[in-house]
Amino acid sequence: MKLIVNGQPVEMPEHVTTVQHVLAHFGLENRIVVVEVDAQIVDKDHFADRIVDEGARIEIVHFVGGG
């Protein structure tokens, strides 16, 4: 499946169908993140059931510590 993630085209494996799967693909499933799919913020309680469709535009913001 082709998605646009943070402005970049990305080819995802067939099993990636939800926001939770996308986060796992990028190794972000245990991080504090904000996810937007097609200009709508997805509540973290719905990551597992929010389906992503072919061509979806996903923005992922994760927090990085440091100084």
PDB file of N, CA and C in Angstrom:
ATOM      1  N   MET A   1       0.847  -1.166   0.000  1.00  0.00           N
ATOM      2  CA  MET A   1       0.000   0.000   0.000  1.00  0.00           C
ATOM      3  C   MET A   1       0.894   1.230   0.000  1.00  0.00           C
ATOM      4  N   LYS A   2       0.514   2.218  -0.769  1.00  0.00           N
ATOM      5  CA  LYS A   2       1.265   3.466  -0.825  1.00  0.00           C
ATOM      6  C   LYS A   2       0.602   4.499   0.082  1.00  0.00           C
ATOM      7  N   LEU A   3       1.409   5.109   0.943  1.00  0.00           N
ATOM      8  CA  LEU A   3       0.956   6.169   1.837  1.00  0.00           C
ATOM      9  C   LEU A   3       1.891   7.362   1.680  1.00  0.00           C
ATOM     10  N   ILE A   4       1.445   8.501   2.131  1.00  0.00           N
ATOM     11  CA  ILE A   4       2.302   9.682   2.238  1.00  0.00           C
ATOM     12  C   ILE A   4       2.512   9.895   3.732  1.00  0.00           C
ATOM     13  N   VAL A   5       3.745   9.692   4.204  1.00  0.00           N
ATOM     14  CA  VAL A   5       4.052   9.817   5.634  1.00  0.00           C
ATOM     15  C   VAL A   5       5.013  10.978   5.812  1.00  0.00           C
ATOM     16  N   ASN A   6       4.566  11.975   6.569  1.00  0.00           N
ATOM     17  CA  ASN A   6       5.340  13.194   6.799  1.00  0.00           C
ATOM     18  C   ASN A   6       5.849  13.782   5.488  1.00  0.00           C
ATOM     19  N   GLY A   7       4.950  13.783   4.486  1.00  0.00           N
ATOM     20  CA  GLY A   7       5.248  14.404   3.205  1.00  0.00           C
ATOM     21  C   GLY A   7       6.024  13.547   2.226  1.00  0.00           C
ATOM     22  N   GLN A   8       6.386  12.331   2.607  1.00  0.00           N
ATOM     23  CA  GLN A   8       7.179  11.457   1.740  1.00  0.00           C
ATOM     24  C   GLN A   8       6.373  10.228   1.323  1.00  0.00           C
ATOM     25  N   PRO A   9       6.427   9.867   0.038  1.00  0.00           N
ATOM     26  CA  PRO A   9       5.750   8.640  -0.372  1.00  0.00           C
ATOM     27  C   PRO A   9       6.442   7.418   0.234  1.00  0.00           C
ATOM     28  N   VAL A  10       5.640   6.501   0.763  1.00  0.00           N
ATOM     29  CA  VAL A  10       6.167   5.305   1.415  1.00  0.00           C
ATOM     30  C   VAL A  10       5.351   4.099   0.949  1.00  0.00           C
ATOM     31  N   GLU A  11       6.041   3.029   0.602  1.00  0.00           N
ATOM     32  CA  GLU A  11       5.374   1.769   0.255  1.00  0.00           C
ATOM     33  C   GLU A  11       5.328   0.918   1.519  1.00  0.00           C
ATOM     34  N   MET A  12       4.138   0.550   1.948  1.00  0.00           N
ATOM     35  CA  MET A  12       3.951  -0.228   3.164  1.00  0.00           C
ATOM     36  C   MET A  12       3.635  -1.681   2.824  1.00  0.00           C
ATOM     37  N   PRO A  13       4.023  -2.608   3.710  1.00  0.00           N
ATOM     38  CA  PRO A  13       3.645  -4.017   3.501  1.00  0.00           C
ATOM     39  C   PRO A  13       2.128  -4.176   3.542  1.00  0.00           C
ATOM     40  N   GLU A  14       1.641  -5.252   2.952  1.00  0.00           N
ATOM     41  CA  GLU A  14       0.196  -5.506   2.867  1.00  0.00           C
ATOM     42  C   GLU A  14      -0.493  -5.561   4.223  1.00  0.00           C
ATOM     43  N   HIS A  15       0.210  -6.040   5.268  1.00  0.00           N
ATOM     44  CA  HIS A  15      -0.431  -6.203   6.581  1.00  0.00           C
ATOM     45  C   HIS A  15      -0.631  -4.876   7.310  1.00  0.00           C
ATOM     46  N   VAL A  16      -0.073  -3.798   6.809  1.00  0.00           N
ATOM     47  CA  VAL A  16      -0.224  -2.490   7.450  1.00  0.00           C
ATOM     48  C   VAL A  16      -1.567  -1.906   7.038  1.00  0.00           C
ATOM     49  N   THR A  17      -2.515  -1.923   7.977  1.00  0.00           N
ATOM     50  CA  THR A  17      -3.866  -1.453   7.665  1.00  0.00           C
ATOM     51  C   THR A  17      -4.399  -0.435   8.675  1.00  0.00           C
ATOM     52  N   THR A  18      -3.706  -0.264   9.804  1.00  0.00           N
ATOM     53  CA  THR A  18      -4.176   0.670  10.834  1.00  0.00           C
ATOM     54  C   THR A  18      -3.053   1.623  11.237  1.00  0.00           C
ATOM     55  N   VAL A  19      -3.422   2.659  11.959  1.00  0.00           N
ATOM     56  CA  VAL A  19      -2.427   3.592  12.483  1.00  0.00           C
ATOM     57  C   VAL A  19      -1.435   2.850  13.375  1.00  0.00           C
ATOM     58  N   GLN A  20      -1.914   1.928  14.188  1.00  0.00           N
ATOM     59  CA  GLN A  20      -1.029   1.156  15.062  1.00  0.00           C
ATOM     60  C   GLN A  20       0.013   0.390  14.253  1.00  0.00           C
ATOM     61  N   HIS A  21      -0.395  -0.200  13.134  1.00  0.00           N
ATOM     62  CA  HIS A  21       0.539  -0.911  12.263  1.00  0.00           C
ATOM     63  C   HIS A  21       1.586   0.033  11.677  1.00  0.00           C
ATOM     64  N   VAL A  22       1.152   1.228  11.280  1.00  0.00           N
ATOM     65  CA  VAL A  22       2.097   2.211  10.726  1.00  0.00           C
ATOM     66  C   VAL A  22       3.143   2.575  11.776  1.00  0.00           C
ATOM     67  N   LEU A  23       2.693   2.838  12.997  1.00  0.00           N
ATOM     68  CA  LEU A  23       3.632   3.182  14.070  1.00  0.00           C
ATOM     69  C   LEU A  23       4.606   2.032  14.337  1.00  0.00           C
ATOM     70  N   ALA A  24       4.106   0.794  14.348  1.00  0.00           N
ATOM     71  CA  ALA A  24       4.979  -0.362  14.562  1.00  0.00           C
ATOM     72  C   ALA A  24       5.996  -0.492  13.434  1.00  0.00           C
ATOM     73  N   HIS A  25       5.568  -0.221  12.215  1.00  0.00           N
ATOM     74  CA  HIS A  25       6.475  -0.297  11.063  1.00  0.00           C
ATOM     75  C   HIS A  25       7.673   0.628  11.236  1.00  0.00           C
ATOM     76  N   PHE A  26       7.439   1.801  11.805  1.00  0.00           N
ATOM     77  CA  PHE A  26       8.508   2.777  12.014  1.00  0.00           C
ATOM     78  C   PHE A  26       9.155   2.678  13.398  1.00  0.00           C
ATOM     79  N   GLY A  27       8.747   1.678  14.196  1.00  0.00           N
ATOM     80  CA  GLY A  27       9.331   1.500  15.519  1.00  0.00           C
ATOM     81  C   GLY A  27       8.908   2.565  16.522  1.00  0.00           C
ATOM     82  N   LEU A  28       7.726   3.111  16.329  1.00  0.00           N
ATOM     83  CA  LEU A  28       7.243   4.200  17.187  1.00  0.00           C
ATOM     84  C   LEU A  28       6.082   3.778  18.089  1.00  0.00           C
ATOM     85  N   GLU A  29       5.771   2.485  18.134  1.00  0.00           N
ATOM     86  CA  GLU A  29       4.585   2.044  18.876  1.00  0.00           C
ATOM     87  C   GLU A  29       4.669   2.287  20.375  1.00  0.00           C
ATOM     88  N   ASN A  30       5.858   2.435  20.921  1.00  0.00           N
ATOM     89  CA  ASN A  30       6.012   2.677  22.363  1.00  0.00           C
ATOM     90  C   ASN A  30       6.442   4.101  22.678  1.00  0.00           C
ATOM     91  N   ARG A  31       6.298   5.000  21.723  1.00  0.00           N
ATOM     92  CA  ARG A  31       6.682   6.389  21.915  1.00  0.00           C
ATOM     93  C   ARG A  31       5.436   7.258  22.063  1.00  0.00           C
ATOM     94  N   ILE A  32       5.625   8.410  22.655  1.00  0.00           N
ATOM     95  CA  ILE A  32       4.539   9.384  22.726  1.00  0.00           C
ATOM     96  C   ILE A  32       4.504  10.107  21.388  1.00  0.00           C
ATOM     97  N   VAL A  33       3.386   9.952  20.684  1.00  0.00           N
ATOM     98  CA  VAL A  33       3.258  10.541  19.354  1.00  0.00           C
ATOM     99  C   VAL A  33       1.889  11.188  19.184  1.00  0.00           C
ATOM    100  N   VAL A  34       1.827  12.080  18.220  1.00  0.00           N
ATOM    101  CA  VAL A  34       0.565  12.626  17.744  1.00  0.00           C
ATOM    102  C   VAL A  34       0.472  12.207  16.286  1.00  0.00           C
ATOM    103  N   VAL A  35      -0.677  11.664  15.904  1.00  0.00           N
ATOM    104  CA  VAL A  35      -0.864  11.177  14.536  1.00  0.00           C
ATOM    105  C   VAL A  35      -2.076  11.866  13.922  1.00  0.00           C
ATOM    106  N   GLU A  36      -1.868  12.309  12.680  1.00  0.00           N
ATOM    107  CA  GLU A  36      -2.935  12.919  11.904  1.00  0.00           C
ATOM    108  C   GLU A  36      -3.080  12.110  10.618  1.00  0.00           C
ATOM    109  N   VAL A  37      -4.299  11.725  10.295  1.00  0.00           N
ATOM    110  CA  VAL A  37      -4.574  11.003   9.053  1.00  0.00           C
ATOM    111  C   VAL A  37      -5.543  11.843   8.241  1.00  0.00           C
ATOM    112  N   ASP A  38      -5.120  12.199   7.047  1.00  0.00           N
ATOM    113  CA  ASP A  38      -5.947  13.012   6.147  1.00  0.00           C
ATOM    114  C   ASP A  38      -6.513  14.239   6.866  1.00  0.00           C
ATOM    115  N   ALA A  39      -5.606  14.960   7.553  1.00  0.00           N
ATOM    116  CA  ALA A  39      -5.895  16.236   8.219  1.00  0.00           C
ATOM    117  C   ALA A  39      -6.799  16.107   9.453  1.00  0.00           C
ATOM    118  N   GLN A  40      -6.942  14.887   9.995  1.00  0.00           N
ATOM    119  CA  GLN A  40      -7.712  14.703  11.219  1.00  0.00           C
ATOM    120  C   GLN A  40      -6.843  14.005  12.261  1.00  0.00           C
ATOM    121  N   ILE A  41      -6.750  14.608  13.441  1.00  0.00           N
ATOM    122  CA  ILE A  41      -5.970  14.008  14.522  1.00  0.00           C
ATOM    123  C   ILE A  41      -6.672  12.752  15.008  1.00  0.00           C
ATOM    124  N   VAL A  42      -5.878  11.694  15.201  1.00  0.00           N
ATOM    125  CA  VAL A  42      -6.414  10.411  15.670  1.00  0.00           C
ATOM    126  C   VAL A  42      -6.087  10.282  17.154  1.00  0.00           C
ATOM    127  N   ASP A  43      -7.101  10.095  17.973  1.00  0.00           N
ATOM    128  CA  ASP A  43      -6.906   9.887  19.402  1.00  0.00           C
ATOM    129  C   ASP A  43      -6.134   8.594  19.612  1.00  0.00           C
ATOM    130  N   LYS A  44      -5.189   8.608  20.547  1.00  0.00           N
ATOM    131  CA  LYS A  44      -4.343   7.420  20.755  1.00  0.00           C
ATOM    132  C   LYS A  44      -5.153   6.180  21.114  1.00  0.00           C
ATOM    133  N   ASP A  45      -6.333   6.353  21.694  1.00  0.00           N
ATOM    134  CA  ASP A  45      -7.190   5.215  22.013  1.00  0.00           C
ATOM    135  C   ASP A  45      -7.757   4.541  20.762  1.00  0.00           C
ATOM    136  N   HIS A  46      -7.618   5.199  19.608  1.00  0.00           N
ATOM    137  CA  HIS A  46      -8.162   4.665  18.359  1.00  0.00           C
ATOM    138  C   HIS A  46      -7.086   4.263  17.357  1.00  0.00           C
ATOM    139  N   PHE A  47      -5.821   4.254  17.760  1.00  0.00           N
ATOM    140  CA  PHE A  47      -4.747   3.855  16.849  1.00  0.00           C
ATOM    141  C   PHE A  47      -4.974   2.452  16.297  1.00  0.00           C
ATOM    142  N   ALA A  48      -5.464   1.532  17.128  1.00  0.00           N
ATOM    143  CA  ALA A  48      -5.627   0.132  16.707  1.00  0.00           C
ATOM    144  C   ALA A  48      -6.810  -0.065  15.763  1.00  0.00           C
ATOM    145  N   ASP A  49      -7.797   0.820  15.815  1.00  0.00           N
ATOM    146  CA  ASP A  49      -8.963   0.611  14.956  1.00  0.00           C
ATOM    147  C   ASP A  49      -9.126   1.659  13.863  1.00  0.00           C
ATOM    148  N   ARG A  50      -8.217   2.619  13.780  1.00  0.00           N
ATOM    149  CA  ARG A  50      -8.282   3.629  12.705  1.00  0.00           C
ATOM    150  C   ARG A  50      -7.621   3.054  11.455  1.00  0.00           C
ATOM    151  N   ILE A  51      -8.435   2.720  10.474  1.00  0.00           N
ATOM    152  CA  ILE A  51      -7.963   2.139   9.221  1.00  0.00           C
ATOM    153  C   ILE A  51      -7.304   3.230   8.374  1.00  0.00           C
ATOM    154  N   VAL A  52      -6.212   2.867   7.715  1.00  0.00           N
ATOM    155  CA  VAL A  52      -5.580   3.776   6.758  1.00  0.00           C
ATOM    156  C   VAL A  52      -5.790   3.197   5.360  1.00  0.00           C
ATOM    157  N   ASP A  53      -6.237   4.036   4.467  1.00  0.00           N
ATOM    158  CA  ASP A  53      -6.532   3.618   3.103  1.00  0.00           C
ATOM    159  C   ASP A  53      -5.374   3.965   2.173  1.00  0.00           C
ATOM    160  N   GLU A  54      -5.329   3.317   1.044  1.00  0.00           N
ATOM    161  CA  GLU A  54      -4.341   3.600   0.002  1.00  0.00           C
ATOM    162  C   GLU A  54      -4.292   5.113  -0.256  1.00  0.00           C
ATOM    163  N   GLY A  55      -3.104   5.667  -0.268  1.00  0.00           N
ATOM    164  CA  GLY A  55      -2.925   7.085  -0.564  1.00  0.00           C
ATOM    165  C   GLY A  55      -3.148   8.016   0.616  1.00  0.00           C
ATOM    166  N   ALA A  56      -3.429   7.477   1.796  1.00  0.00           N
ATOM    167  CA  ALA A  56      -3.674   8.328   2.972  1.00  0.00           C
ATOM    168  C   ALA A  56      -2.453   9.198   3.259  1.00  0.00           C
ATOM    169  N   ARG A  57      -2.721  10.409   3.720  1.00  0.00           N
ATOM    170  CA  ARG A  57      -1.658  11.335   4.114  1.00  0.00           C
ATOM    171  C   ARG A  57      -1.568  11.296   5.637  1.00  0.00           C
ATOM    172  N   ILE A  58      -0.437  10.808   6.132  1.00  0.00           N
ATOM    173  CA  ILE A  58      -0.243  10.616   7.569  1.00  0.00           C
ATOM    174  C   ILE A  58       0.880  11.513   8.046  1.00  0.00           C
ATOM    175  N   GLU A  59       0.622  12.230   9.106  1.00  0.00           N
ATOM    176  CA  GLU A  59       1.652  13.036   9.761  1.00  0.00           C
ATOM    177  C   GLU A  59       1.890  12.444  11.138  1.00  0.00           C
ATOM    178  N   ILE A  60       3.136  12.170  11.463  1.00  0.00           N
ATOM    179  CA  ILE A  60       3.496  11.620  12.769  1.00  0.00           C
ATOM    180  C   ILE A  60       4.474  12.574  13.416  1.00  0.00           C
ATOM    181  N   VAL A  61       4.123  13.027  14.610  1.00  0.00           N
ATOM    182  CA  VAL A  61       5.016  13.896  15.373  1.00  0.00           C
ATOM    183  C   VAL A  61       5.368  13.149  16.642  1.00  0.00           C
ATOM    184  N   HIS A  62       6.681  12.961  16.874  1.00  0.00           N
ATOM    185  CA  HIS A  62       7.096  12.347  18.130  1.00  0.00           C
ATOM    186  C   HIS A  62       8.080  13.275  18.815  1.00  0.00           C
ATOM    187  N   PHE A  63       8.132  13.151  20.100  1.00  0.00           N
ATOM    188  CA  PHE A  63       8.889  14.077  20.915  1.00  0.00           C
ATOM    189  C   PHE A  63      10.295  13.530  21.168  1.00  0.00           C
ATOM    190  N   VAL A  64      11.269  14.406  21.047  1.00  0.00           N
ATOM    191  CA  VAL A  64      12.670  14.025  21.231  1.00  0.00           C
ATOM    192  C   VAL A  64      13.243  14.902  22.326  1.00  0.00           C
ATOM    193  N   GLY A  65      13.850  14.257  23.327  1.00  0.00           N
ATOM    194  CA  GLY A  65      14.464  15.021  24.407  1.00  0.00           C
ATOM    195  C   GLY A  65      15.876  15.426  24.050  1.00  0.00           C
ATOM    196  N   GLY A  66      16.416  16.276  24.836  1.00  0.00           N
ATOM    197  CA  GLY A  66      17.803  16.695  24.610  1.00  0.00           C
ATOM    198  C   GLY A  66      17.966  18.175  24.847  1.00  0.00           C
ATOM    199  N   GLY A  67      19.172  18.622  24.649  1.00  0.00           N
ATOM    200  CA  GLY A  67      19.410  20.029  24.925  1.00  0.00           C
ATOM    201  C   GLY A  67      20.303  20.664  23.995  1.00  0.00           C
TER     202      GLY A  67
END
